[in-house]
């Protein structure tokens, strides 16, 4: 199946959307490794695994738990951690 990740914050430098191919029974936790691999292809110059590991994933209506089941064609938003002052 495929899903599309909408990017914000530090992930926006990789484009507005990132498309990932996943197994048919994928859960949110299964997004992390393929996402790290896809971002590494862009040649990111920061700790990709650390950023992906501390980010959350959401739909338009809810922040998803790690065991939430994904469906073909889902549009998922990746929410990086933020800081402010």
PDB file of N, CA and C in Angstrom:
ATOM      1  N   UNK A   1       0.835  -1.174   0.000  1.00  0.00           N
ATOM      2  CA  UNK A   1       0.000   0.000   0.000  1.00  0.00           C
ATOM      3  C   UNK A   1       0.878   1.235   0.000  1.00  0.00           C
ATOM      4  N   UNK A   2       0.303   2.347  -0.332  1.00  0.00           N
ATOM      5  CA  UNK A   2       1.056   3.600  -0.262  1.00  0.00           C
ATOM      6  C   UNK A   2       0.316   4.594   0.634  1.00  0.00           C
ATOM      7  N   UNK A   3       1.110   5.414   1.281  1.00  0.00           N
ATOM      8  CA  UNK A   3       0.565   6.526   2.048  1.00  0.00           C
ATOM      9  C   UNK A   3       1.340   7.776   1.666  1.00  0.00           C
ATOM     10  N   UNK A   4       0.749   8.914   1.921  1.00  0.00           N
ATOM     11  CA  UNK A   4       1.403  10.190   1.663  1.00  0.00           C
ATOM     12  C   UNK A   4       1.570  10.902   3.000  1.00  0.00           C
ATOM     13  N   UNK A   5       2.792  11.333   3.267  1.00  0.00           N
ATOM     14  CA  UNK A   5       3.085  12.096   4.479  1.00  0.00           C
ATOM     15  C   UNK A   5       3.157  13.561   4.131  1.00  0.00           C
ATOM     16  N   UNK A   6       2.370  14.363   4.801  1.00  0.00           N
ATOM     17  CA  UNK A   6       2.396  15.816   4.670  1.00  0.00           C
ATOM     18  C   UNK A   6       3.461  16.327   5.638  1.00  0.00           C
ATOM     19  N   UNK A   7       4.333  17.214   5.178  1.00  0.00           N
ATOM     20  CA  UNK A   7       5.455  17.650   6.006  1.00  0.00           C
ATOM     21  C   UNK A   7       5.276  19.071   6.530  1.00  0.00           C
ATOM     22  N   UNK A   8       5.878  19.293   7.695  1.00  0.00           N
ATOM     23  CA  UNK A   8       5.908  20.612   8.318  1.00  0.00           C
ATOM     24  C   UNK A   8       7.244  20.771   9.025  1.00  0.00           C
ATOM     25  N   UNK A   9       7.551  21.983   9.437  1.00  0.00           N
ATOM     26  CA  UNK A   9       8.755  22.247  10.223  1.00  0.00           C
ATOM     27  C   UNK A   9      10.024  21.765   9.535  1.00  0.00           C
ATOM     28  N   UNK A  10      10.855  21.075  10.275  1.00  0.00           N
ATOM     29  CA  UNK A  10      12.150  20.610   9.769  1.00  0.00           C
ATOM     30  C   UNK A  10      12.016  19.658   8.587  1.00  0.00           C
ATOM     31  N   UNK A  11      10.872  19.016   8.440  1.00  0.00           N
ATOM     32  CA  UNK A  11      10.673  18.074   7.334  1.00  0.00           C
ATOM     33  C   UNK A  11      10.308  18.771   6.026  1.00  0.00           C
ATOM     34  N   UNK A  12       9.889  20.018   6.071  1.00  0.00           N
ATOM     35  CA  UNK A  12       9.427  20.717   4.874  1.00  0.00           C
ATOM     36  C   UNK A  12      10.523  20.857   3.821  1.00  0.00           C
ATOM     37  N   UNK A  13      11.775  20.858   4.248  1.00  0.00           N
ATOM     38  CA  UNK A  13      12.874  20.970   3.276  1.00  0.00           C
ATOM     39  C   UNK A  13      12.922  19.790   2.303  1.00  0.00           C
ATOM     40  N   UNK A  14      12.217  18.711   2.624  1.00  0.00           N
ATOM     41  CA  UNK A  14      12.191  17.534   1.759  1.00  0.00           C
ATOM     42  C   UNK A  14      10.986  17.530   0.832  1.00  0.00           C
ATOM     43  N   UNK A  15      10.242  18.600   0.829  1.00  0.00           N
ATOM     44  CA  UNK A  15       9.059  18.707  -0.017  1.00  0.00           C
ATOM     45  C   UNK A  15       7.803  18.784   0.821  1.00  0.00           C
ATOM     46  N   UNK A  16       6.729  19.134   0.188  1.00  0.00           N
ATOM     47  CA  UNK A  16       5.454  19.275   0.889  1.00  0.00           C
ATOM     48  C   UNK A  16       4.874  17.912   1.260  1.00  0.00           C
ATOM     49  N   UNK A  17       5.154  16.907   0.438  1.00  0.00           N
ATOM     50  CA  UNK A  17       4.655  15.553   0.668  1.00  0.00           C
ATOM     51  C   UNK A  17       5.754  14.536   0.391  1.00  0.00           C
ATOM     52  N   UNK A  18       5.709  13.434   1.117  1.00  0.00           N
ATOM     53  CA  UNK A  18       6.604  12.308   0.890  1.00  0.00           C
ATOM     54  C   UNK A  18       5.721  11.074   0.768  1.00  0.00           C
ATOM     55  N   UNK A  19       5.893  10.340  -0.300  1.00  0.00           N
ATOM     56  CA  UNK A  19       5.089   9.134  -0.509  1.00  0.00           C
ATOM     57  C   UNK A  19       5.908   7.922  -0.096  1.00  0.00           C
ATOM     58  N   UNK A  20       5.292   7.029   0.674  1.00  0.00           N
ATOM     59  CA  UNK A  20       5.949   5.816   1.147  1.00  0.00           C
ATOM     60  C   UNK A  20       5.152   4.592   0.740  1.00  0.00           C
ATOM     61  N   UNK A  21       5.875   3.529   0.402  1.00  0.00           N
ATOM     62  CA  UNK A  21       5.262   2.228   0.148  1.00  0.00           C
ATOM     63  C   UNK A  21       5.452   1.384   1.399  1.00  0.00           C
ATOM     64  N   UNK A  22       4.362   0.799   1.883  1.00  0.00           N
ATOM     65  CA  UNK A  22       4.382   0.002   3.099  1.00  0.00           C
ATOM     66  C   UNK A  22       3.655  -1.317   2.874  1.00  0.00           C
ATOM     67  N   UNK A  23       3.864  -2.273   3.773  1.00  0.00           N
ATOM     68  CA  UNK A  23       3.138  -3.543   3.679  1.00  0.00           C
ATOM     69  C   UNK A  23       1.651  -3.296   3.964  1.00  0.00           C
ATOM     70  N   UNK A  24       0.819  -4.203   3.523  1.00  0.00           N
ATOM     71  CA  UNK A  24      -0.632  -4.025   3.639  1.00  0.00           C
ATOM     72  C   UNK A  24      -1.131  -3.973   5.079  1.00  0.00           C
ATOM     73  N   UNK A  25      -0.366  -4.519   6.014  1.00  0.00           N
ATOM     74  CA  UNK A  25      -0.801  -4.543   7.414  1.00  0.00           C
ATOM     75  C   UNK A  25      -0.040  -3.532   8.272  1.00  0.00           C
ATOM     76  N   UNK A  26       0.474  -2.486   7.654  1.00  0.00           N
ATOM     77  CA  UNK A  26       1.332  -1.515   8.350  1.00  0.00           C
ATOM     78  C   UNK A  26       0.566  -0.716   9.397  1.00  0.00           C
ATOM     79  N   UNK A  27       1.304  -0.410  10.465  1.00  0.00           N
ATOM     80  CA  UNK A  27       0.812   0.461  11.528  1.00  0.00           C
ATOM     81  C   UNK A  27       1.679   1.713  11.550  1.00  0.00           C
ATOM     82  N   UNK A  28       1.292   2.679  12.344  1.00  0.00           N
ATOM     83  CA  UNK A  28       2.045   3.930  12.427  1.00  0.00           C
ATOM     84  C   UNK A  28       3.509   3.665  12.757  1.00  0.00           C
ATOM     85  N   UNK A  29       3.802   2.768  13.678  1.00  0.00           N
ATOM     86  CA  UNK A  29       5.181   2.459  14.050  1.00  0.00           C
ATOM     87  C   UNK A  29       5.998   1.988  12.852  1.00  0.00           C
ATOM     88  N   UNK A  30       5.329   1.388  11.866  1.00  0.00           N
ATOM     89  CA  UNK A  30       6.013   0.888  10.674  1.00  0.00           C
ATOM     90  C   UNK A  30       6.412   1.990   9.702  1.00  0.00           C
ATOM     91  N   UNK A  31       5.990   3.224   9.950  1.00  0.00           N
ATOM     92  CA  UNK A  31       6.357   4.362   9.090  1.00  0.00           C
ATOM     93  C   UNK A  31       7.795   4.816   9.300  1.00  0.00           C
ATOM     94  N   UNK A  32       8.287   4.665  10.503  1.00  0.00           N
ATOM     95  CA  UNK A  32       9.546   5.296  10.884  1.00  0.00           C
ATOM     96  C   UNK A  32      10.750   4.843  10.056  1.00  0.00           C
ATOM     97  N   UNK A  33      10.980   3.546   9.937  1.00  0.00           N
ATOM     98  CA  UNK A  33      12.160   3.064   9.190  1.00  0.00           C
ATOM     99  C   UNK A  33      12.132   3.464   7.711  1.00  0.00           C
ATOM    100  N   UNK A  34      10.998   3.253   7.005  1.00  0.00           N
ATOM    101  CA  UNK A  34      10.972   3.690   5.605  1.00  0.00           C
ATOM    102  C   UNK A  34      11.126   5.202   5.454  1.00  0.00           C
ATOM    103  N   UNK A  35      10.600   5.963   6.409  1.00  0.00           N
ATOM    104  CA  UNK A  35      10.739   7.415   6.345  1.00  0.00           C
ATOM    105  C   UNK A  35      12.196   7.821   6.538  1.00  0.00           C
ATOM    106  N   UNK A  36      12.869   7.221   7.498  1.00  0.00           N
ATOM    107  CA  UNK A  36      14.289   7.513   7.718  1.00  0.00           C
ATOM    108  C   UNK A  36      15.090   7.196   6.465  1.00  0.00           C
ATOM    109  N   UNK A  37      14.819   6.057   5.842  1.00  0.00           N
ATOM    110  CA  UNK A  37      15.529   5.671   4.611  1.00  0.00           C
ATOM    111  C   UNK A  37      15.255   6.672   3.485  1.00  0.00           C
ATOM    112  N   UNK A  38      14.007   7.099   3.341  1.00  0.00           N
ATOM    113  CA  UNK A  38      13.663   8.064   2.287  1.00  0.00           C
ATOM    114  C   UNK A  38      14.359   9.403   2.521  1.00  0.00           C
ATOM    115  N   UNK A  39      14.398   9.863   3.761  1.00  0.00           N
ATOM    116  CA  UNK A  39      15.040  11.141   4.060  1.00  0.00           C
ATOM    117  C   UNK A  39      16.552  11.065   3.890  1.00  0.00           C
ATOM    118  N   UNK A  40      17.133   9.916   4.170  1.00  0.00           N
ATOM    119  CA  UNK A  40      18.582   9.740   3.997  1.00  0.00           C
ATOM    120  C   UNK A  40      18.965   9.906   2.525  1.00  0.00           C
ATOM    121  N   UNK A  41      18.074   9.512   1.620  1.00  0.00           N
ATOM    122  CA  UNK A  41      18.339   9.670   0.187  1.00  0.00           C
ATOM    123  C   UNK A  41      18.440  11.140  -0.210  1.00  0.00           C
ATOM    124  N   UNK A  42      17.777  12.019   0.534  1.00  0.00           N
ATOM    125  CA  UNK A  42      17.852  13.458   0.279  1.00  0.00           C
ATOM    126  C   UNK A  42      19.164  14.052   0.768  1.00  0.00           C
ATOM    127  N   UNK A  43      19.929  13.300   1.554  1.00  0.00           N
ATOM    128  CA  UNK A  43      21.197  13.798   2.065  1.00  0.00           C
ATOM    129  C   UNK A  43      21.045  14.775   3.212  1.00  0.00           C
ATOM    130  N   UNK A  44      20.116  14.511   4.101  1.00  0.00           N
ATOM    131  CA  UNK A  44      19.892  15.393   5.251  1.00  0.00           C
ATOM    132  C   UNK A  44      21.166  15.499   6.085  1.00  0.00           C
ATOM    133  N   UNK A  45      21.427  16.685   6.602  1.00  0.00           N
ATOM    134  CA  UNK A  45      22.647  16.911   7.383  1.00  0.00           C
ATOM    135  C   UNK A  45      22.342  17.088   8.870  1.00  0.00           C
ATOM    136  N   UNK A  46      21.386  16.329   9.383  1.00  0.00           N
ATOM    137  CA  UNK A  46      21.058  16.350  10.802  1.00  0.00           C
ATOM    138  C   UNK A  46      20.673  14.934  11.219  1.00  0.00           C
ATOM    139  N   UNK A  47      20.398  14.731  12.488  1.00  0.00           N
ATOM    140  CA  UNK A  47      20.051  13.417  13.023  1.00  0.00           C
ATOM    141  C   UNK A  47      18.628  13.043  12.596  1.00  0.00           C
ATOM    142  N   UNK A  48      18.526  12.424  11.437  1.00  0.00           N
ATOM    143  CA  UNK A  48      17.221  12.061  10.882  1.00  0.00           C
ATOM    144  C   UNK A  48      16.482  11.114  11.828  1.00  0.00           C
ATOM    145  N   UNK A  49      17.172  10.070  12.282  1.00  0.00           N
ATOM    146  CA  UNK A  49      16.522   9.074  13.143  1.00  0.00           C
ATOM    147  C   UNK A  49      16.022   9.715  14.430  1.00  0.00           C
ATOM    148  N   UNK A  50      16.791  10.618  14.999  1.00  0.00           N
ATOM    149  CA  UNK A  50      16.366  11.294  16.221  1.00  0.00           C
ATOM    150  C   UNK A  50      15.128  12.144  16.001  1.00  0.00           C
ATOM    151  N   UNK A  51      15.100  12.881  14.889  1.00  0.00           N
ATOM    152  CA  UNK A  51      13.951  13.733  14.594  1.00  0.00           C
ATOM    153  C   UNK A  51      12.705  12.895  14.305  1.00  0.00           C
ATOM    154  N   UNK A  52      12.855  11.866  13.492  1.00  0.00           N
ATOM    155  CA  UNK A  52      11.712  11.003  13.185  1.00  0.00           C
ATOM    156  C   UNK A  52      11.225  10.302  14.452  1.00  0.00           C
ATOM    157  N   UNK A  53      12.168   9.870  15.286  1.00  0.00           N
ATOM    158  CA  UNK A  53      11.808   9.176  16.516  1.00  0.00           C
ATOM    159  C   UNK A  53      11.044  10.035  17.510  1.00  0.00           C
ATOM    160  N   UNK A  54      11.282  11.328  17.494  1.00  0.00           N
ATOM    161  CA  UNK A  54      10.588  12.214  18.439  1.00  0.00           C
ATOM    162  C   UNK A  54       9.375  12.901  17.823  1.00  0.00           C
ATOM    163  N   UNK A  55       9.054  12.571  16.592  1.00  0.00           N
ATOM    164  CA  UNK A  55       7.894  13.159  15.917  1.00  0.00           C
ATOM    165  C   UNK A  55       6.666  12.281  16.115  1.00  0.00           C
ATOM    166  N   UNK A  56       5.506  12.881  15.906  1.00  0.00           N
ATOM    167  CA  UNK A  56       4.230  12.159  15.983  1.00  0.00           C
ATOM    168  C   UNK A  56       3.570  12.211  14.610  1.00  0.00           C
ATOM    169  N   UNK A  57       2.601  11.349  14.420  1.00  0.00           N
ATOM    170  CA  UNK A  57       1.868  11.271  13.169  1.00  0.00           C
ATOM    171  C   UNK A  57       0.390  11.508  13.456  1.00  0.00           C
ATOM    172  N   UNK A  58      -0.298  12.152  12.505  1.00  0.00           N
ATOM    173  CA  UNK A  58      -1.698  12.507  12.728  1.00  0.00           C
ATOM    174  C   UNK A  58      -2.491  12.459  11.431  1.00  0.00           C
ATOM    175  N   UNK A  59      -3.795  12.316  11.583  1.00  0.00           N
ATOM    176  CA  UNK A  59      -4.724  12.522  10.475  1.00  0.00           C
ATOM    177  C   UNK A  59      -5.252  13.943  10.618  1.00  0.00           C
ATOM    178  N   UNK A  60      -6.248  14.277   9.855  1.00  0.00           N
ATOM    179  CA  UNK A  60      -6.851  15.606   9.971  1.00  0.00           C
ATOM    180  C   UNK A  60      -7.574  15.797  11.298  1.00  0.00           C
ATOM    181  N   UNK A  61      -7.910  14.699  11.970  1.00  0.00           N
ATOM    182  CA  UNK A  61      -8.741  14.814  13.167  1.00  0.00           C
ATOM    183  C   UNK A  61      -8.109  14.296  14.455  1.00  0.00           C
ATOM    184  N   UNK A  62      -6.999  13.544  14.362  1.00  0.00           N
ATOM    185  CA  UNK A  62      -6.435  12.991  15.588  1.00  0.00           C
ATOM    186  C   UNK A  62      -4.946  12.683  15.466  1.00  0.00           C
ATOM    187  N   UNK A  63      -4.265  12.738  16.599  1.00  0.00           N
ATOM    188  CA  UNK A  63      -2.885  12.275  16.676  1.00  0.00           C
ATOM    189  C   UNK A  63      -2.953  10.766  16.841  1.00  0.00           C
ATOM    190  N   UNK A  64      -2.183  10.061  16.035  1.00  0.00           N
ATOM    191  CA  UNK A  64      -2.272   8.611  15.991  1.00  0.00           C
ATOM    192  C   UNK A  64      -1.341   7.943  16.996  1.00  0.00           C
ATOM    193  N   UNK A  65      -1.815   6.877  17.584  1.00  0.00           N
ATOM    194  CA  UNK A  65      -0.995   6.038  18.450  1.00  0.00           C
ATOM    195  C   UNK A  65      -0.103   5.171  17.560  1.00  0.00           C
ATOM    196  N   UNK A  66       0.971   4.665  18.112  1.00  0.00           N
ATOM    197  CA  UNK A  66       1.926   3.855  17.348  1.00  0.00           C
ATOM    198  C   UNK A  66       1.298   2.593  16.764  1.00  0.00           C
ATOM    199  N   UNK A  67       0.253   2.046  17.403  1.00  0.00           N
ATOM    200  CA  UNK A  67      -0.355   0.809  16.923  1.00  0.00           C
ATOM    201  C   UNK A  67      -1.576   1.038  16.028  1.00  0.00           C
ATOM    202  N   UNK A  68      -1.825   2.289  15.647  1.00  0.00           N
ATOM    203  CA  UNK A  68      -2.947   2.591  14.748  1.00  0.00           C
ATOM    204  C   UNK A  68      -2.675   1.986  13.372  1.00  0.00           C
ATOM    205  N   UNK A  69      -3.679   1.348  12.822  1.00  0.00           N
ATOM    206  CA  UNK A  69      -3.558   0.695  11.518  1.00  0.00           C
ATOM    207  C   UNK A  69      -3.698   1.736  10.410  1.00  0.00           C
ATOM    208  N   UNK A  70      -2.818   1.625   9.420  1.00  0.00           N
ATOM    209  CA  UNK A  70      -2.861   2.524   8.261  1.00  0.00           C
ATOM    210  C   UNK A  70      -3.627   1.868   7.129  1.00  0.00           C
ATOM    211  N   UNK A  71      -4.120   2.695   6.215  1.00  0.00           N
ATOM    212  CA  UNK A  71      -4.886   2.195   5.074  1.00  0.00           C
ATOM    213  C   UNK A  71      -4.322   2.786   3.789  1.00  0.00           C
ATOM    214  N   UNK A  72      -4.438   2.033   2.730  1.00  0.00           N
ATOM    215  CA  UNK A  72      -3.944   2.477   1.436  1.00  0.00           C
ATOM    216  C   UNK A  72      -4.515   3.847   1.085  1.00  0.00           C
ATOM    217  N   UNK A  73      -3.637   4.744   0.683  1.00  0.00           N
ATOM    218  CA  UNK A  73      -4.053   6.075   0.280  1.00  0.00           C
ATOM    219  C   UNK A  73      -4.172   7.080   1.407  1.00  0.00           C
ATOM    220  N   UNK A  74      -3.895   6.665   2.655  1.00  0.00           N
ATOM    221  CA  UNK A  74      -3.970   7.608   3.791  1.00  0.00           C
ATOM    222  C   UNK A  74      -3.106   8.831   3.551  1.00  0.00           C
ATOM    223  N   UNK A  75      -3.601   9.976   3.969  1.00  0.00           N
ATOM    224  CA  UNK A  75      -2.819  11.203   4.047  1.00  0.00           C
ATOM    225  C   UNK A  75      -2.522  11.412   5.522  1.00  0.00           C
ATOM    226  N   UNK A  76      -1.257  11.287   5.883  1.00  0.00           N
ATOM    227  CA  UNK A  76      -0.811  11.380   7.273  1.00  0.00           C
ATOM    228  C   UNK A  76       0.103  12.584   7.389  1.00  0.00           C
ATOM    229  N   UNK A  77      -0.042  13.332   8.464  1.00  0.00           N
ATOM    230  CA  UNK A  77       0.828  14.469   8.722  1.00  0.00           C
ATOM    231  C   UNK A  77       1.889  14.061   9.718  1.00  0.00           C
ATOM    232  N   UNK A  78       3.140  14.415   9.437  1.00  0.00           N
ATOM    233  CA  UNK A  78       4.210  14.177  10.402  1.00  0.00           C
ATOM    234  C   UNK A  78       4.427  15.481  11.173  1.00  0.00           C
ATOM    235  N   UNK A  79       4.365  15.365  12.483  1.00  0.00           N
ATOM    236  CA  UNK A  79       4.457  16.526  13.368  1.00  0.00           C
ATOM    237  C   UNK A  79       5.782  16.491  14.118  1.00  0.00           C
ATOM    238  N   UNK A  80       6.747  17.279  13.674  1.00  0.00           N
ATOM    239  CA  UNK A  80       8.036  17.308  14.383  1.00  0.00           C
ATOM    240  C   UNK A  80       7.888  18.048  15.710  1.00  0.00           C
ATOM    241  N   UNK A  81       8.795  17.768  16.641  1.00  0.00           N
ATOM    242  CA  UNK A  81       8.757  18.519  17.888  1.00  0.00           C
ATOM    243  C   UNK A  81       9.058  19.999  17.596  1.00  0.00           C
ATOM    244  N   UNK A  82       8.504  20.865  18.402  1.00  0.00           N
ATOM    245  CA  UNK A  82       8.732  22.300  18.214  1.00  0.00           C
ATOM    246  C   UNK A  82       9.276  22.894  19.503  1.00  0.00           C
ATOM    247  N   UNK A  83       9.898  24.024  19.353  1.00  0.00           N
ATOM    248  CA  UNK A  83      10.338  24.780  20.519  1.00  0.00           C
ATOM    249  C   UNK A  83      10.079  26.241  20.245  1.00  0.00           C
ATOM    250  N   UNK A  84       9.991  26.982  21.253  1.00  0.00           N
ATOM    251  CA  UNK A  84       9.704  28.402  21.072  1.00  0.00           C
ATOM    252  C   UNK A  84      10.240  29.188  22.245  1.00  0.00           C
ATOM    253  N   UNK A  85       9.981  30.433  22.201  1.00  0.00           N
ATOM    254  CA  UNK A  85      10.486  31.239  23.295  1.00  0.00           C
ATOM    255  C   UNK A  85       9.702  32.503  23.452  1.00  0.00           C
TER     256      UNK A  85
END
